[in-house]
Protein backbone atom coordinates (compact mmCIF):
# COMPACT_ATOMS: atom_id res chain seq x y z
CA MET A 1 120.42 84.15 117.70
CA ASN A 2 118.03 81.41 118.87
CA LEU A 3 117.80 83.36 122.61
CA LEU A 4 115.94 85.95 120.53
CA ARG A 5 113.03 83.63 120.46
CA TYR A 6 112.32 83.06 124.77
CA LEU A 7 113.02 87.26 126.04
CA PRO A 8 109.43 89.98 126.14
CA LEU A 9 111.38 91.78 123.65
CA SER A 10 108.06 94.68 123.63
CA TYR A 11 109.66 94.63 126.95
CA LEU A 12 112.96 94.50 126.59
CA SER A 13 113.07 97.61 124.26
CA TRP A 14 111.01 99.94 126.05
CA PHE A 15 113.24 99.10 128.69
CA ILE A 16 116.34 100.35 126.31
CA GLY A 17 114.07 103.54 125.21
CA VAL A 18 114.06 104.10 129.13
CA LEU A 19 118.05 103.66 129.15
CA ALA A 20 118.70 105.36 126.03
CA ASN A 21 116.69 108.63 126.41
CA LEU A 22 118.12 109.26 129.81
CA SER A 23 119.68 112.79 129.72
CA LEU A 24 122.94 112.63 131.24
CA PRO A 25 125.49 115.56 132.07
CA GLN A 26 126.92 117.28 129.33
CA PRO A 27 130.02 116.04 129.42
CA LEU A 28 129.49 112.81 130.21
CA ALA A 29 126.89 112.70 126.75
CA ARG A 30 129.19 114.13 125.12
CA TRP A 31 131.46 111.24 125.53
CA THR A 32 129.05 108.54 125.11
CA ILE A 33 127.73 109.70 121.40
CA GLY A 34 130.84 110.25 120.29
CA ILE A 35 131.76 106.62 121.18
CA PHE A 36 128.26 105.58 119.65
CA ALA A 37 129.55 108.27 116.75
CA ALA A 38 133.04 106.50 116.05
CA ALA A 39 131.74 103.18 116.16
CA TYR A 40 128.52 103.85 113.90
CA GLY A 41 130.89 106.07 111.23
CA ILE A 42 128.54 108.51 112.33
CA ASP A 43 129.52 111.64 111.58
CA PRO A 44 127.81 114.31 113.23
CA ASN A 45 128.55 117.99 111.30
CA THR A 46 125.72 115.72 109.65
CA ALA A 47 122.86 117.01 112.42
CA THR A 48 121.62 120.63 112.76
CA ARG A 49 122.64 120.65 115.70
CA PRO A 50 126.11 120.26 117.90
CA VAL A 51 127.02 117.58 119.55
CA ASN A 52 127.03 118.89 122.66
CA SER A 53 123.66 119.91 123.18
CA TYR A 54 122.42 116.75 123.39
CA ARG A 55 122.02 115.12 126.52
CA SER A 56 121.44 110.99 125.39
CA ILE A 57 121.98 108.24 122.81
CA GLY A 58 118.09 108.25 122.37
CA GLU A 59 117.94 111.96 121.52
CA PHE A 60 120.68 112.32 118.84
CA PHE A 61 119.63 108.94 117.69
CA THR A 62 116.47 110.84 116.35
CA ARG A 63 118.91 113.99 115.41
CA ASP A 64 117.71 116.71 112.56
CA LEU A 65 119.90 116.89 108.85
CA LYS A 66 120.64 119.94 107.86
CA PRO A 67 118.20 120.67 105.06
CA GLU A 68 120.96 121.08 102.72
CA LEU A 69 122.09 118.09 102.85
CA ARG A 70 118.98 116.42 101.22
CA PRO A 71 117.51 117.81 98.54
CA ILE A 72 114.50 116.42 97.25
CA SER A 73 114.31 114.18 94.39
CA GLU A 74 111.31 115.94 91.86
CA GLY A 75 110.22 112.43 91.02
CA LEU A 76 109.87 109.21 93.23
CA ALA A 77 112.25 110.40 96.65
CA SER A 78 113.72 107.76 98.97
CA PRO A 79 111.12 108.17 102.41
CA VAL A 80 115.09 107.31 104.33
CA ASP A 81 118.75 107.39 104.73
CA GLY A 82 119.24 103.38 104.77
CA THR A 83 119.80 100.09 102.84
CA LEU A 84 117.55 99.31 99.77
CA ARG A 85 116.86 95.78 99.98
CA ASP A 86 114.19 95.34 96.98
CA CYS A 87 112.60 96.51 94.86
CA ILE A 88 109.53 93.44 93.72
CA THR A 89 106.24 93.55 91.13
CA LEU A 90 103.82 92.42 93.32
CA THR A 91 100.87 90.52 91.44
CA PRO A 92 97.59 89.56 92.62
CA GLY A 93 97.35 86.75 94.31
CA SER A 94 101.43 86.50 94.55
CA PRO A 95 102.41 86.59 97.67
CA ILE A 96 105.76 89.48 98.34
CA PRO A 97 108.96 87.28 99.25
CA GLN A 98 110.92 87.80 101.79
CA VAL A 99 112.93 85.35 101.58
CA LYS A 100 114.09 81.59 99.79
CA GLY A 101 111.38 79.23 101.00
CA LYS A 102 109.81 82.82 103.88
CA GLU A 103 107.01 85.07 102.06
CA TYR A 104 104.30 86.81 103.49
CA SER A 105 100.49 88.48 101.31
CA LEU A 106 100.32 92.26 101.01
CA ALA A 107 97.03 91.51 102.91
CA GLU A 108 98.97 90.21 106.13
CA LEU A 109 101.43 92.93 106.12
CA LEU A 110 98.72 96.29 106.16
CA GLY A 111 97.09 94.04 108.07
CA GLY A 112 93.55 93.04 106.21
CA ASP A 113 93.25 96.85 105.23
CA HIS A 114 90.39 96.92 102.45
CA LEU A 115 92.17 99.28 100.87
CA VAL A 116 95.35 96.29 99.67
CA SER A 117 93.46 95.75 96.57
CA ARG A 118 94.09 99.33 94.86
CA PHE A 119 98.46 97.88 95.75
CA GLU A 120 97.90 94.28 94.12
CA ASN A 121 99.22 95.22 90.45
CA GLY A 122 101.54 97.39 91.64
CA SER A 123 105.36 97.94 93.29
CA LEU A 124 107.31 97.39 96.68
CA TRP A 125 109.82 98.92 97.91
CA ASN A 126 111.95 97.49 101.47
CA LEU A 127 114.78 100.25 103.29
CA TYR A 128 116.06 99.17 106.25
CA LEU A 129 117.79 100.95 108.84
CA SER A 130 121.51 100.99 110.51
CA PRO A 131 122.29 103.09 113.89
CA ARG A 132 124.37 104.57 111.60
CA ASP A 133 121.07 106.02 109.89
CA ALA A 134 119.29 109.72 110.76
CA HIS A 135 116.16 107.46 112.06
CA HIS A 136 112.71 110.05 110.36
CA ILE A 137 110.63 108.56 108.00
CA HIS A 138 109.74 111.14 105.29
CA ALA A 139 106.75 111.70 102.33
CA PRO A 140 108.54 109.97 98.86
CA LEU A 141 105.52 112.87 97.01
CA PRO A 142 103.93 115.74 97.99
CA GLY A 143 99.69 114.14 98.67
CA LYS A 144 97.27 113.83 101.41
CA ILE A 145 97.58 111.71 103.74
CA ILE A 146 93.96 109.56 103.27
CA LYS A 147 94.48 106.82 106.76
CA THR A 148 96.82 104.94 108.97
CA THR A 149 96.49 101.83 110.21
CA HIS A 150 98.19 100.22 113.66
CA ILE A 151 99.27 96.98 113.73
CA PRO A 152 100.46 95.30 117.20
CA GLY A 153 102.97 92.22 117.36
CA LYS A 154 106.00 91.44 117.17
CA LEU A 155 108.94 93.35 118.30
CA TRP A 156 111.84 90.80 116.06
CA PRO A 157 114.84 92.43 114.76
CA VAL A 158 115.19 93.39 111.05
CA ASN A 159 118.35 92.09 110.08
CA ASP A 160 120.10 89.51 107.89
CA TRP A 161 119.30 86.83 110.53
CA ALA A 162 115.46 88.07 111.45
CA LEU A 163 115.48 87.85 107.34
CA ASN A 164 116.53 83.80 107.08
CA SER A 165 114.96 82.91 110.86
CA VAL A 166 111.54 85.00 111.06
CA ASP A 167 108.18 83.20 109.12
CA LYS A 168 106.23 86.55 107.58
CA LEU A 169 109.13 89.08 109.82
CA PHE A 170 107.90 92.27 107.83
CA ALA A 171 103.89 91.00 108.92
CA VAL A 172 104.49 89.81 112.76
CA ASN A 173 106.49 93.29 114.16
CA GLU A 174 104.20 95.91 114.83
CA ARG A 175 103.68 98.99 112.24
CA ILE A 176 102.97 102.03 111.67
CA VAL A 177 100.61 102.35 108.29
CA SER A 178 99.90 105.87 106.87
CA PHE A 179 98.16 105.45 103.37
CA ILE A 180 98.90 108.60 100.95
CA GLU A 181 97.33 109.86 97.88
CA THR A 182 99.39 111.67 95.38
CA ASP A 183 98.72 112.14 91.67
CA HIS A 184 99.88 108.88 90.59
CA GLY A 185 97.69 107.14 92.53
CA LEU A 186 97.89 105.91 96.20
CA PHE A 187 101.19 104.80 98.81
CA ALA A 188 101.28 102.99 101.61
CA VAL A 189 104.43 104.11 104.20
CA VAL A 190 105.12 101.19 106.29
CA MET A 191 106.90 101.92 109.38
CA VAL A 192 108.09 98.41 110.70
CA GLY A 193 109.30 98.63 114.33
CA ALA A 194 112.02 96.13 116.10
CA THR A 195 114.51 95.40 118.93
CA ASN A 196 115.62 97.12 121.50
CA VAL A 197 113.06 100.46 121.79
CA GLY A 198 110.78 99.37 119.12
CA ARG A 199 108.88 103.08 119.28
CA ILE A 200 107.42 104.28 116.31
CA SER A 201 106.12 108.57 116.36
CA LEU A 202 104.20 109.87 113.89
CA SER A 203 104.91 113.54 112.90
CA TYR A 204 101.60 114.12 111.86
CA MET A 205 98.94 112.86 114.67
CA ASP A 206 99.20 111.55 118.06
CA LEU A 207 100.26 107.95 117.82
CA GLU A 208 103.83 106.18 119.32
CA THR A 209 104.11 102.88 119.48
CA ASN A 210 104.55 100.52 122.94
CA ARG A 211 104.91 103.52 125.60
CA TYR A 212 103.30 100.95 128.08
CA PRO A 213 104.06 97.46 126.66
CA TRP A 214 101.60 96.44 128.90
CA VAL A 215 98.91 97.99 127.64
CA LYS A 216 97.33 95.77 124.80
CA HIS A 217 95.95 97.14 121.57
CA ASN A 218 93.25 95.85 118.33
CA ILE A 219 94.47 96.53 115.00
CA ARG A 220 93.26 100.49 115.20
CA SER A 221 92.85 102.62 112.21
CA PHE A 222 91.70 106.59 111.34
CA ASP A 223 90.44 108.10 108.71
CA HIS A 224 91.62 111.45 108.01
CA ASP A 225 88.53 113.71 106.66
CA GLY A 226 90.05 115.29 103.46
CA GLY A 227 93.09 114.27 104.13
CA ILE A 228 96.49 115.65 106.10
CA THR A 229 98.02 117.76 102.97
CA ILE A 230 101.85 117.03 102.77
CA LYS A 231 104.43 118.62 100.55
CA ALA A 232 107.30 115.77 99.79
CA GLY A 233 110.03 115.24 102.04
CA ASP A 234 107.90 115.91 105.63
CA LYS A 235 108.56 114.12 108.19
CA LEU A 236 105.99 111.33 108.90
CA GLY A 237 107.68 109.71 111.79
CA THR A 238 110.56 109.14 113.43
CA PHE A 239 112.05 105.25 114.83
CA LYS A 240 113.07 105.27 118.71
CA MET A 241 116.15 102.61 117.14
CA GLY A 242 116.87 101.18 113.70
CA SER A 243 114.33 99.12 112.42
CA SER A 244 112.48 98.90 108.45
CA VAL A 245 110.45 100.92 106.15
CA VAL A 246 107.80 99.03 103.09
CA LEU A 247 107.13 101.92 100.56
CA ILE A 248 104.50 100.03 97.92
CA SER A 249 103.02 101.74 95.21
CA GLU A 250 99.23 101.66 93.49
CA LYS A 251 101.40 102.31 90.37
CA ARG A 252 103.31 99.54 88.78
CA PHE A 253 107.49 100.00 88.46
CA SER A 254 109.87 97.69 86.61
CA SER A 255 112.29 95.86 89.21
CA GLU A 256 115.00 97.06 87.07
CA SER A 257 113.88 101.09 87.07
CA SER A 258 115.29 101.29 90.72
CA GLY A 259 118.91 100.19 90.48
CA PRO A 260 120.78 97.07 91.98
CA ARG A 261 119.87 96.14 95.05
CA PRO A 262 121.02 96.31 98.02
CA ARG A 263 122.32 99.75 97.60
CA THR A 264 122.90 102.20 99.92
CA VAL A 265 120.17 105.49 99.61
CA GLN A 266 120.06 108.72 101.86
CA TYR A 267 115.86 110.29 101.89
CA GLY A 268 115.22 112.80 99.43
CA GLU A 269 117.41 111.19 96.29
CA PRO A 270 115.38 109.29 93.16
CA LEU A 271 114.28 105.84 94.49
CA ILE A 272 113.88 105.15 90.46
CA SER A 273 115.83 105.80 87.07
CA GLN A 274 115.43 108.34 85.05
CA HIS A 275 113.86 106.14 82.96
CA GLY A 276 111.99 104.99 85.31
CA GLN A 277 110.15 108.47 86.16
CA TYR A 278 106.41 109.62 86.52
């Protein structure tokens, strides 16, 4: 895996994305997608479309799931299908632990945004998406999106090797942050890019990362005057391959309220136990 340190990961991820989205003849596409689904234990019947309607791995990867399979919790809902790696109680001035010996700051994660101070006494959840998971990101609560920040960066993997090997992993990879004002305080949904495709697209505005890796960007922030109204479970964006989401709450919860970790979660299900609800 140390070979990754010497590879142009943005270009490699862009190229793999091009290959993954090549439109294939229907019989070949169905065969390829069938192998992909079997390899990762994906049930194609959970998708809203039949397998033979997809023409590429990339198209199947970003499939929509049947809504009746993902009822939306009335409390804080998981924004993704994936693995809840950790829940962390934040303390002003204290770093966020990645693994033993590795950490990063809230300001580094959010690109030094002025809204950082509102989260310093809050909570943080780290969720990992594997290739088998549906790759849309959803709103954890109803509210208004007041700001979006795109922070360019690396495209390291976000697997266990990277957690143990890459300093400040979630604060150095490319990411998009959606700031959502809710009746329960401010939330930040941090969509973290990763190796292989590495593209993140938003559903509520025209923004997609790593479309042209040779074009370099600085940090870009977009204020949404009046806010963009969303409901719990509404789609915020899509990963074009696997990655991670870091969810941050202005309100503090005990880490025990999120139950055992790591554990599998599905988008829409309660992210915290009943005694920890609002």
